[in-house]
C-alpha atoms as a PDB file:
ATOM      1  CA  UNK A   1      -5.774 -17.731  12.628  1.00  0.00           C
ATOM      2  CA  UNK A   2      -3.744 -14.970  10.888  1.00  0.00           C
ATOM      3  CA  UNK A   3      -6.378 -12.428  12.424  1.00  0.00           C
ATOM      4  CA  UNK A   4      -5.418 -13.402  15.621  1.00  0.00           C
ATOM      5  CA  UNK A   5      -1.957 -13.697  15.168  1.00  0.00           C
ATOM      6  CA  UNK A   6      -1.744 -10.297  13.964  1.00  0.00           C
ATOM      7  CA  UNK A   7      -3.575  -8.496  16.346  1.00  0.00           C
ATOM      8  CA  UNK A   8      -1.016 -10.062  19.104  1.00  0.00           C
ATOM      9  CA  UNK A   9       2.101  -9.240  17.260  1.00  0.00           C
ATOM     10  CA  UNK A  10       3.774  -6.754  15.511  1.00  0.00           C
ATOM     11  CA  UNK A  11       4.139  -6.391  11.341  1.00  0.00           C
ATOM     12  CA  UNK A  12       8.075  -7.234  12.152  1.00  0.00           C
ATOM     13  CA  UNK A  13       6.873 -11.070  13.119  1.00  0.00           C
ATOM     14  CA  UNK A  14       4.946 -11.651  10.095  1.00  0.00           C
ATOM     15  CA  UNK A  15       7.898 -10.964   8.068  1.00  0.00           C
ATOM     16  CA  UNK A  16       8.916 -14.570   8.851  1.00  0.00           C
ATOM     17  CA  UNK A  17       5.831 -15.840   6.892  1.00  0.00           C
ATOM     18  CA  UNK A  18       6.218 -13.596   3.638  1.00  0.00           C
ATOM     19  CA  UNK A  19       9.693 -13.809   3.238  1.00  0.00           C
ATOM     20  CA  UNK A  20      10.076 -17.166   4.190  1.00  0.00           C
ATOM     21  CA  UNK A  21       9.107 -18.607   1.313  1.00  0.00           C
ATOM     22  CA  UNK A  22      11.761 -20.490   0.348  1.00  0.00           C
ATOM     23  CA  UNK A  23      10.320 -23.083   2.881  1.00  0.00           C
ATOM     24  CA  UNK A  24       7.348 -23.703   0.913  1.00  0.00           C
ATOM     25  CA  UNK A  25       6.513 -26.049  -1.939  1.00  0.00           C
ATOM     26  CA  UNK A  26       5.444 -25.399  -5.251  1.00  0.00           C
ATOM     27  CA  UNK A  27       2.110 -27.321  -4.508  1.00  0.00           C
ATOM     28  CA  UNK A  28       1.266 -25.255  -0.862  1.00  0.00           C
ATOM     29  CA  UNK A  29      -1.118 -22.687  -1.338  1.00  0.00           C
ATOM     30  CA  UNK A  30       0.400 -18.641  -0.757  1.00  0.00           C
ATOM     31  CA  UNK A  31       0.601 -17.444   2.331  1.00  0.00           C
ATOM     32  CA  UNK A  32      -0.790 -14.180   2.240  1.00  0.00           C
ATOM     33  CA  UNK A  33      -2.877 -11.887  -0.273  1.00  0.00           C
ATOM     34  CA  UNK A  34      -2.873  -7.996  -0.393  1.00  0.00           C
ATOM     35  CA  UNK A  35      -5.861  -6.108   0.726  1.00  0.00           C
ATOM     36  CA  UNK A  36      -7.928  -3.388  -1.177  1.00  0.00           C
ATOM     37  CA  UNK A  37      -9.549  -0.969   0.734  1.00  0.00           C
ATOM     38  CA  UNK A  38     -13.096  -0.372   0.283  1.00  0.00           C
ATOM     39  CA  UNK A  39     -14.524   2.734   1.409  1.00  0.00           C
ATOM     40  CA  UNK A  40     -17.900   4.971   1.058  1.00  0.00           C
ATOM     41  CA  UNK A  41     -18.086   8.338  -0.494  1.00  0.00           C
ATOM     42  CA  UNK A  42     -18.467   7.712  -4.204  1.00  0.00           C
ATOM     43  CA  UNK A  43     -14.796   7.427  -4.833  1.00  0.00           C
ATOM     44  CA  UNK A  44     -13.907   4.784  -7.308  1.00  0.00           C
ATOM     45  CA  UNK A  45     -11.759   2.565  -4.735  1.00  0.00           C
ATOM     46  CA  UNK A  46     -12.234  -0.148  -7.160  1.00  0.00           C
ATOM     47  CA  UNK A  47      -9.933   1.524  -9.705  1.00  0.00           C
ATOM     48  CA  UNK A  48      -6.953  -0.235 -11.457  1.00  0.00           C
ATOM     49  CA  UNK A  49      -7.963  -4.117 -10.855  1.00  0.00           C
ATOM     50  CA  UNK A  50      -4.910  -5.712 -12.591  1.00  0.00           C
ATOM     51  CA  UNK A  51      -2.371  -3.423 -10.137  1.00  0.00           C
ATOM     52  CA  UNK A  52      -2.450  -5.904  -6.879  1.00  0.00           C
ATOM     53  CA  UNK A  53      -2.097  -8.862  -8.895  1.00  0.00           C
ATOM     54  CA  UNK A  54       0.868  -7.449 -11.014  1.00  0.00           C
ATOM     55  CA  UNK A  55       2.294  -6.407  -7.939  1.00  0.00           C
ATOM     56  CA  UNK A  56       2.081  -9.546  -6.008  1.00  0.00           C
ATOM     57  CA  UNK A  57       3.676 -11.268  -8.731  1.00  0.00           C
ATOM     58  CA  UNK A  58       6.276  -8.770  -9.438  1.00  0.00           C
ATOM     59  CA  UNK A  59       7.577  -9.179  -5.665  1.00  0.00           C
ATOM     60  CA  UNK A  60       7.070 -12.802  -5.531  1.00  0.00           C
ATOM     61  CA  UNK A  61       9.700 -13.404  -8.484  1.00  0.00           C
ATOM     62  CA  UNK A  62      11.756 -10.456  -7.150  1.00  0.00           C
ATOM     63  CA  UNK A  63      11.863 -10.507  -3.629  1.00  0.00           C
ATOM     64  CA  UNK A  64      10.606 -13.873  -2.938  1.00  0.00           C
ATOM     65  CA  UNK A  65       7.720 -13.583  -1.293  1.00  0.00           C
ATOM     66  CA  UNK A  66       4.773 -15.745  -1.438  1.00  0.00           C
ATOM     67  CA  UNK A  67       1.976 -13.508  -1.921  1.00  0.00           C
ATOM     68  CA  UNK A  68      -1.598 -14.712  -3.540  1.00  0.00           C
ATOM     69  CA  UNK A  69      -1.969 -13.463  -7.073  1.00  0.00           C
ATOM     70  CA  UNK A  70      -6.121 -12.463  -5.972  1.00  0.00           C
ATOM     71  CA  UNK A  71      -6.525  -9.749  -3.865  1.00  0.00           C
ATOM     72  CA  UNK A  72      -8.637  -9.258  -1.033  1.00  0.00           C
ATOM     73  CA  UNK A  73     -11.431  -6.293  -0.729  1.00  0.00           C
ATOM     74  CA  UNK A  74     -11.747  -5.301   2.705  1.00  0.00           C
ATOM     75  CA  UNK A  75     -13.810  -2.585   3.959  1.00  0.00           C
ATOM     76  CA  UNK A  76     -12.616   0.037   6.340  1.00  0.00           C
ATOM     77  CA  UNK A  77     -14.851  -1.008   9.459  1.00  0.00           C
ATOM     78  CA  UNK A  78     -14.550  -4.300   9.148  1.00  0.00           C
ATOM     79  CA  UNK A  79     -12.785  -6.400  11.540  1.00  0.00           C
ATOM     80  CA  UNK A  80     -11.475  -8.560   8.283  1.00  0.00           C
ATOM     81  CA  UNK A  81      -8.905  -5.646   8.013  1.00  0.00           C
ATOM     82  CA  UNK A  82      -6.636  -7.039  10.542  1.00  0.00           C
ATOM     83  CA  UNK A  83      -6.108 -10.363   8.447  1.00  0.00           C
ATOM     84  CA  UNK A  84      -4.130  -8.199   6.069  1.00  0.00           C
ATOM     85  CA  UNK A  85      -0.851  -6.813   7.470  1.00  0.00           C
ATOM     86  CA  UNK A  86      -0.634  -4.490   3.963  1.00  0.00           C
ATOM     87  CA  UNK A  87      -3.705  -2.813   2.679  1.00  0.00           C
ATOM     88  CA  UNK A  88      -3.564  -0.539  -0.584  1.00  0.00           C
ATOM     89  CA  UNK A  89      -6.123   2.054  -1.222  1.00  0.00           C
ATOM     90  CA  UNK A  90      -6.726   4.675  -4.556  1.00  0.00           C
ATOM     91  CA  UNK A  91      -9.272   5.970  -6.596  1.00  0.00           C
ATOM     92  CA  UNK A  92     -10.084   9.525  -7.729  1.00  0.00           C
ATOM     93  CA  UNK A  93     -12.656  10.826  -6.109  1.00  0.00           C
ATOM     94  CA  UNK A  94     -14.282  11.111  -2.403  1.00  0.00           C
ATOM     95  CA  UNK A  95     -13.923   9.229   0.885  1.00  0.00           C
ATOM     96  CA  UNK A  96     -16.019   8.989   4.076  1.00  0.00           C
ATOM     97  CA  UNK A  97     -15.079   7.530   7.273  1.00  0.00           C
ATOM     98  CA  UNK A  98     -17.841   7.091   9.966  1.00  0.00           C
ATOM     99  CA  UNK A  99     -16.655   7.258  13.057  1.00  0.00           C
ATOM    100  CA  UNK A 100     -16.617   3.687  13.564  1.00  0.00           C
ATOM    101  CA  UNK A 101     -14.633   3.510  10.611  1.00  0.00           C
ATOM    102  CA  UNK A 102     -12.081   5.535  11.309  1.00  0.00           C
ATOM    103  CA  UNK A 103     -11.560   4.421  14.885  1.00  0.00           C
ATOM    104  CA  UNK A 104     -11.460   0.404  13.069  1.00  0.00           C
ATOM    105  CA  UNK A 105      -8.659   1.965  10.655  1.00  0.00           C
ATOM    106  CA  UNK A 106      -6.806   3.565  13.536  1.00  0.00           C
ATOM    107  CA  UNK A 107      -6.596   0.476  15.769  1.00  0.00           C
ATOM    108  CA  UNK A 108      -5.840  -1.368  12.506  1.00  0.00           C
ATOM    109  CA  UNK A 109      -2.673   0.863  11.839  1.00  0.00           C
ATOM    110  CA  UNK A 110      -1.974   0.872  15.741  1.00  0.00           C
ATOM    111  CA  UNK A 111      -1.837  -2.564  15.695  1.00  0.00           C
ATOM    112  CA  UNK A 112       0.822  -2.818  13.161  1.00  0.00           C
ATOM    113  CA  UNK A 113      -0.969  -2.825   9.936  1.00  0.00           C
ATOM    114  CA  UNK A 114       0.098  -0.588   6.912  1.00  0.00           C
ATOM    115  CA  UNK A 115      -1.868   1.268   4.793  1.00  0.00           C
ATOM    116  CA  UNK A 116      -0.732   2.396   0.896  1.00  0.00           C
ATOM    117  CA  UNK A 117      -2.939   5.212  -0.131  1.00  0.00           C
ATOM    118  CA  UNK A 118      -1.873   6.130  -3.682  1.00  0.00           C
ATOM    119  CA  UNK A 119      -3.738   9.245  -5.340  1.00  0.00           C
ATOM    120  CA  UNK A 120      -5.287   8.151  -8.845  1.00  0.00           C
ATOM    121  CA  UNK A 121      -5.483  11.662  -9.251  1.00  0.00           C
ATOM    122  CA  UNK A 122      -8.212  13.707  -7.534  1.00  0.00           C
ATOM    123  CA  UNK A 123      -8.272  11.999  -4.328  1.00  0.00           C
ATOM    124  CA  UNK A 124      -6.169  14.289  -2.570  1.00  0.00           C
ATOM    125  CA  UNK A 125      -8.429  16.687  -0.881  1.00  0.00           C
ATOM    126  CA  UNK A 126     -10.420  14.192   0.509  1.00  0.00           C
ATOM    127  CA  UNK A 127      -8.133  11.837   1.563  1.00  0.00           C
ATOM    128  CA  UNK A 128      -6.431  14.154   3.503  1.00  0.00           C
ATOM    129  CA  UNK A 129      -9.503  15.127   5.471  1.00  0.00           C
ATOM    130  CA  UNK A 130     -10.477  11.194   6.315  1.00  0.00           C
ATOM    131  CA  UNK A 131      -7.268  10.248   7.642  1.00  0.00           C
ATOM    132  CA  UNK A 132      -7.266  13.430   9.326  1.00  0.00           C
ATOM    133  CA  UNK A 133     -10.354  11.896  11.226  1.00  0.00           C
ATOM    134  CA  UNK A 134      -7.945   8.533  12.192  1.00  0.00           C
ATOM    135  CA  UNK A 135      -5.170  10.525  13.232  1.00  0.00           C
ATOM    136  CA  UNK A 136      -6.766  13.776  14.649  1.00  0.00           C
ATOM    137  CA  UNK A 137      -3.315  15.040  16.129  1.00  0.00           C
ATOM    138  CA  UNK A 138      -1.258  14.495  13.096  1.00  0.00           C
ATOM    139  CA  UNK A 139      -0.483  15.750   9.583  1.00  0.00           C
ATOM    140  CA  UNK A 140       1.113  13.766   6.713  1.00  0.00           C
ATOM    141  CA  UNK A 141       4.731  14.565   6.457  1.00  0.00           C
ATOM    142  CA  UNK A 142       6.802  14.627   3.137  1.00  0.00           C
ATOM    143  CA  UNK A 143       9.591  11.664   3.664  1.00  0.00           C
ATOM    144  CA  UNK A 144      13.143  12.738   2.135  1.00  0.00           C
ATOM    145  CA  UNK A 145      14.808  11.242  -0.798  1.00  0.00           C
ATOM    146  CA  UNK A 146      16.944   9.440   2.295  1.00  0.00           C
ATOM    147  CA  UNK A 147      14.195   7.647   3.536  1.00  0.00           C
ATOM    148  CA  UNK A 148      14.623   3.744   3.719  1.00  0.00           C
ATOM    149  CA  UNK A 149      11.396   3.159   1.761  1.00  0.00           C
ATOM    150  CA  UNK A 150      13.087   4.838  -1.161  1.00  0.00           C
ATOM    151  CA  UNK A 151      16.092   2.608  -0.547  1.00  0.00           C
ATOM    152  CA  UNK A 152      15.076  -1.186  -0.007  1.00  0.00           C
ATOM    153  CA  UNK A 153      16.024  -3.649  -3.010  1.00  0.00           C
ATOM    154  CA  UNK A 154      15.932  -0.908  -5.576  1.00  0.00           C
ATOM    155  CA  UNK A 155      17.449   2.797  -4.885  1.00  0.00           C
ATOM    156  CA  UNK A 156      15.498   5.844  -5.779  1.00  0.00           C
ATOM    157  CA  UNK A 157      17.707   8.478  -4.949  1.00  0.00           C
ATOM    158  CA  UNK A 158      15.001  11.211  -6.151  1.00  0.00           C
ATOM    159  CA  UNK A 159      12.419   9.718  -4.519  1.00  0.00           C
ATOM    160  CA  UNK A 160       9.120   8.549  -5.797  1.00  0.00           C
ATOM    161  CA  UNK A 161       9.056   7.769  -9.873  1.00  0.00           C
ATOM    162  CA  UNK A 162       6.782  10.075 -12.144  1.00  0.00           C
ATOM    163  CA  UNK A 163       4.772   7.603 -13.371  1.00  0.00           C
ATOM    164  CA  UNK A 164       1.542   9.569 -15.219  1.00  0.00           C
ATOM    165  CA  UNK A 165       1.888  13.554 -15.729  1.00  0.00           C
ATOM    166  CA  UNK A 166      -1.619  14.616 -13.465  1.00  0.00           C
ATOM    167  CA  UNK A 167      -0.953  18.354 -12.830  1.00  0.00           C
ATOM    168  CA  UNK A 168       2.729  18.126 -13.562  1.00  0.00           C
ATOM    169  CA  UNK A 169       4.283  18.558 -10.467  1.00  0.00           C
ATOM    170  CA  UNK A 170       6.954  16.622  -8.553  1.00  0.00           C
ATOM    171  CA  UNK A 171       5.825  13.129  -7.268  1.00  0.00           C
ATOM    172  CA  UNK A 172       5.899  13.421  -3.214  1.00  0.00           C
ATOM    173  CA  UNK A 173       5.689  10.404  -0.364  1.00  0.00           C
ATOM    174  CA  UNK A 174       4.231  11.296   2.503  1.00  0.00           C
ATOM    175  CA  UNK A 175       3.828   9.436   5.625  1.00  0.00           C
ATOM    176  CA  UNK A 176       1.704   9.252   8.810  1.00  0.00           C
ATOM    177  CA  UNK A 177       3.689   7.875  11.760  1.00  0.00           C
ATOM    178  CA  UNK A 178       2.817   5.771  14.987  1.00  0.00           C
ATOM    179  CA  UNK A 179       5.534   6.060  17.477  1.00  0.00           C
ATOM    180  CA  UNK A 180       8.167   6.200  15.006  1.00  0.00           C
ATOM    181  CA  UNK A 181       6.536   3.756  12.781  1.00  0.00           C
ATOM    182  CA  UNK A 182       5.622   4.410   9.379  1.00  0.00           C
ATOM    183  CA  UNK A 183       1.923   3.321   9.474  1.00  0.00           C
ATOM    184  CA  UNK A 184       0.782   5.189   6.601  1.00  0.00           C
ATOM    185  CA  UNK A 185       2.412   6.086   2.853  1.00  0.00           C
ATOM    186  CA  UNK A 186       1.032   8.571   0.553  1.00  0.00           C
ATOM    187  CA  UNK A 187       2.020   8.588  -2.888  1.00  0.00           C
ATOM    188  CA  UNK A 188       0.853  11.890  -4.418  1.00  0.00           C
ATOM    189  CA  UNK A 189       1.416  13.109  -8.245  1.00  0.00           C
ATOM    190  CA  UNK A 190       2.931   9.775  -9.291  1.00  0.00           C
ATOM    191  CA  UNK A 191       0.046   7.159  -9.682  1.00  0.00           C
ATOM    192  CA  UNK A 192       2.288   4.148  -9.002  1.00  0.00           C
ATOM    193  CA  UNK A 193      -0.894   2.194  -9.380  1.00  0.00           C
ATOM    194  CA  UNK A 194      -1.475   2.937 -12.825  1.00  0.00           C
ATOM    195  CA  UNK A 195       2.116   1.743 -13.511  1.00  0.00           C
ATOM    196  CA  UNK A 196       1.630  -1.568 -11.811  1.00  0.00           C
ATOM    197  CA  UNK A 197      -1.339  -2.273 -14.306  1.00  0.00           C
ATOM    198  CA  UNK A 198      -1.393  -4.486 -17.490  1.00  0.00           C
ATOM    199  CA  UNK A 199       0.961  -3.335 -19.948  1.00  0.00           C
ATOM    200  CA  UNK A 200      -1.952  -2.610 -22.686  1.00  0.00           C
ATOM    201  CA  UNK A 201      -4.227  -0.766 -19.925  1.00  0.00           C
ATOM    202  CA  UNK A 202      -1.962   2.434 -20.071  1.00  0.00           C
ATOM    203  CA  UNK A 203       0.070   1.462 -22.682  1.00  0.00           C
ATOM    204  CA  UNK A 204       2.890   2.748 -20.245  1.00  0.00           C
ATOM    205  CA  UNK A 205       6.601   2.372 -21.611  1.00  0.00           C
ATOM    206  CA  UNK A 206       8.258  -0.770 -19.957  1.00  0.00           C
ATOM    207  CA  UNK A 207      11.108   1.158 -18.268  1.00  0.00           C
ATOM    208  CA  UNK A 208       8.343   3.293 -16.615  1.00  0.00           C
ATOM    209  CA  UNK A 209       6.004   0.460 -15.509  1.00  0.00           C
ATOM    210  CA  UNK A 210       9.570  -1.521 -14.261  1.00  0.00           C
ATOM    211  CA  UNK A 211      10.395   1.507 -12.004  1.00  0.00           C
ATOM    212  CA  UNK A 212       6.521   1.887 -10.666  1.00  0.00           C
ATOM    213  CA  UNK A 213       6.832  -1.802  -9.665  1.00  0.00           C
ATOM    214  CA  UNK A 214      10.121  -1.476  -8.268  1.00  0.00           C
ATOM    215  CA  UNK A 215       8.626   1.274  -6.060  1.00  0.00           C
ATOM    216  CA  UNK A 216       5.911  -0.865  -5.271  1.00  0.00           C
ATOM    217  CA  UNK A 217       8.386  -3.693  -4.345  1.00  0.00           C
ATOM    218  CA  UNK A 218      10.364  -1.469  -2.275  1.00  0.00           C
ATOM    219  CA  UNK A 219       7.137  -0.359  -0.405  1.00  0.00           C
ATOM    220  CA  UNK A 220       6.139  -4.012   0.099  1.00  0.00           C
ATOM    221  CA  UNK A 221       9.567  -4.663   1.866  1.00  0.00           C
ATOM    222  CA  UNK A 222       9.538  -1.951   3.882  1.00  0.00           C
ATOM    223  CA  UNK A 223       6.287  -2.655   5.300  1.00  0.00           C
ATOM    224  CA  UNK A 224       7.288  -5.671   6.483  1.00  0.00           C
ATOM    225  CA  UNK A 225      10.731  -4.954   7.559  1.00  0.00           C
ATOM    226  CA  UNK A 226      10.705  -1.745   9.391  1.00  0.00           C
END
């Protein structure tokens, strides 16, 4: 079972499963699914339904990964969380973690999991409070443009690409660390997830959508190789 492997192994070990796709034939099932975090509080955790399938398809084509194109919905407090080394979180509104949920998410991240939070506009004031419950002794730290997450297969010398206007502020990438490992990457004023959606959803120009997918691929590669 991947879950038992994952609890015992670091994320670096699981890279052999993801980026070793050349060892698999076309008839075999994909190795892993991306996870979408379902949380309480009333926020629309389910927004951008076409985003993760498109990101998985892009990574399979450009990075040689072997992700399933359908993603898994996983609740914050569920043991199933440990089945998904990469989990994405998005939404526009309120986020509430119970004590048990915060502890479960912390255990997942400490054990080797990776959480990408994408502010879909309006998430920021709530997710900061929620993540403070997960790591009470930490604050989100803005990552410098030189950080490796911006320089994987694709180089973004100015940091995150700006996908949607929001408050017309600069896009920023923040991180939470555990023992010098980036366990949570928070993309703010950027809206990568909107850029991953089907072209007709937001009608983003092709170059904007391409940058969003490229940055998403960078996040995936960094998460599995750091």
